[in-house]
Protein backbone atom coordinates (compact mmCIF):
# COMPACT_ATOMS: atom_id res chain seq x y z
CA UNK A 1 197.10 253.99 30.19
CA UNK A 2 199.28 251.01 31.07
CA UNK A 3 199.43 248.01 28.78
CA UNK A 4 200.66 244.60 29.84
CA UNK A 5 201.41 241.57 27.71
CA UNK A 6 199.95 238.30 28.87
CA UNK A 7 202.07 235.17 28.79
CA UNK A 8 199.77 233.60 26.18
CA UNK A 9 200.08 236.65 23.92
CA UNK A 10 203.86 236.66 24.31
CA UNK A 11 204.06 233.01 23.24
CA UNK A 12 201.89 233.74 20.21
CA UNK A 13 204.04 236.74 19.27
CA UNK A 14 207.26 234.76 19.69
CA UNK A 15 206.00 231.87 17.56
CA UNK A 16 204.80 234.27 14.86
CA UNK A 17 208.17 236.01 14.71
CA UNK A 18 210.01 232.68 14.58
CA UNK A 19 207.75 231.37 11.84
CA UNK A 20 208.16 234.51 9.75
CA UNK A 21 211.91 234.34 10.28
CA UNK A 22 212.06 230.76 9.07
CA UNK A 23 209.87 231.42 6.05
CA UNK A 24 211.76 234.58 5.21
CA UNK A 25 215.00 232.64 4.82
CA UNK A 26 213.68 230.11 2.33
CA UNK A 27 214.62 230.33 -1.31
CA UNK A 28 211.78 231.64 -3.43
CA UNK A 29 211.65 231.00 -7.14
CA UNK A 30 209.42 233.00 -9.40
CA UNK A 31 210.39 235.52 -12.03
CA UNK A 32 208.43 238.05 -13.94
CA UNK A 33 210.98 240.76 -14.56
CA UNK A 34 212.08 241.58 -18.07
CA UNK A 35 212.77 245.20 -18.91
CA UNK A 36 213.59 246.70 -22.19
CA UNK A 37 213.39 250.17 -20.84
CA UNK A 38 209.95 249.99 -19.24
CA UNK A 39 210.31 253.74 -18.95
CA UNK A 40 213.70 253.24 -17.30
CA UNK A 41 211.99 251.52 -14.41
CA UNK A 42 210.85 254.20 -11.93
CA UNK A 43 210.34 251.91 -9.02
CA UNK A 44 209.69 249.12 -11.45
CA UNK A 45 206.97 251.04 -13.14
CA UNK A 46 204.65 252.18 -10.48
CA UNK A 47 204.49 251.65 -6.76
CA UNK A 48 202.98 254.97 -7.49
CA UNK A 49 206.29 256.38 -8.58
CA UNK A 50 207.11 257.01 -4.90
CA UNK A 51 208.30 260.62 -4.54
CA UNK A 52 207.52 261.57 -8.14
CA UNK A 53 210.81 263.54 -8.15
CA UNK A 54 211.42 267.05 -6.87
CA UNK A 55 214.67 265.80 -5.36
CA UNK A 56 215.98 262.29 -5.08
CA UNK A 57 215.47 259.43 -7.56
CA UNK A 58 218.25 257.18 -8.68
CA UNK A 59 217.75 254.17 -10.90
CA UNK A 60 220.25 251.69 -12.29
CA UNK A 61 219.01 249.01 -14.63
CA UNK A 62 220.75 246.35 -16.64
CA UNK A 63 219.56 243.60 -18.86
CA UNK A 64 221.44 241.12 -21.02
CA UNK A 65 219.03 238.78 -22.80
CA UNK A 66 221.16 236.71 -25.25
CA UNK A 67 224.73 238.06 -25.76
CA UNK A 68 226.95 235.05 -26.23
CA UNK A 69 224.16 232.77 -24.95
CA UNK A 70 225.46 230.19 -22.36
CA UNK A 71 223.74 230.92 -18.98
CA UNK A 72 221.86 233.96 -20.07
CA UNK A 73 218.95 236.29 -19.25
CA UNK A 74 220.27 238.36 -16.28
CA UNK A 75 218.45 241.60 -15.29
CA UNK A 76 219.43 243.57 -12.11
CA UNK A 77 218.00 246.89 -11.03
CA UNK A 78 218.30 249.27 -8.14
CA UNK A 79 216.19 252.25 -7.40
CA UNK A 80 215.71 254.90 -4.78
CA UNK A 81 213.30 257.75 -4.56
CA UNK A 82 212.42 260.50 -2.14
CA UNK A 83 210.22 263.61 -1.65
CA UNK A 84 208.47 263.50 1.79
CA UNK A 85 208.52 267.29 2.48
CA UNK A 86 206.59 267.24 5.71
CA UNK A 87 205.05 263.84 4.91
CA UNK A 88 203.08 264.94 1.93
CA UNK A 89 204.59 261.60 1.05
CA UNK A 90 207.08 259.82 -1.09
CA UNK A 91 209.95 257.45 -0.17
CA UNK A 92 210.93 254.37 -2.18
CA UNK A 93 213.64 251.72 -2.59
CA UNK A 94 213.68 248.73 -4.87
CA UNK A 95 216.34 246.10 -5.32
CA UNK A 96 215.88 243.42 -7.88
CA UNK A 97 217.87 240.64 -9.46
CA UNK A 98 216.81 238.03 -11.92
CA UNK A 99 219.28 235.58 -13.42
CA UNK A 100 217.17 232.76 -14.93
CA UNK A 101 220.15 231.00 -16.50
CA UNK A 102 220.92 227.37 -15.73
CA UNK A 103 220.10 226.88 -12.03
CA UNK A 104 219.96 230.63 -11.38
CA UNK A 105 216.28 231.06 -10.86
């Protein structure tokens, strides 16, 4: 079967990609994150725990609520997961950052 893209469809696709590109570069402000262990944050406590171990999984978390006050809160996280084994599923990846101090939200 041969597929061809019509000029009208190509314009629509181009405009959609441009619009998503422009919106994707805007600064978004909305925090919710706040761990105090939350079970050490396996993929920020859920996205179905991705690979549910059996190889893989790395998680780095950090939080600093009030020490020394000033421009505080902080957060940070990183994750990674795995499994897959013939696509019985898994995968993962989560980056996060959350400053919330003066002008850092």
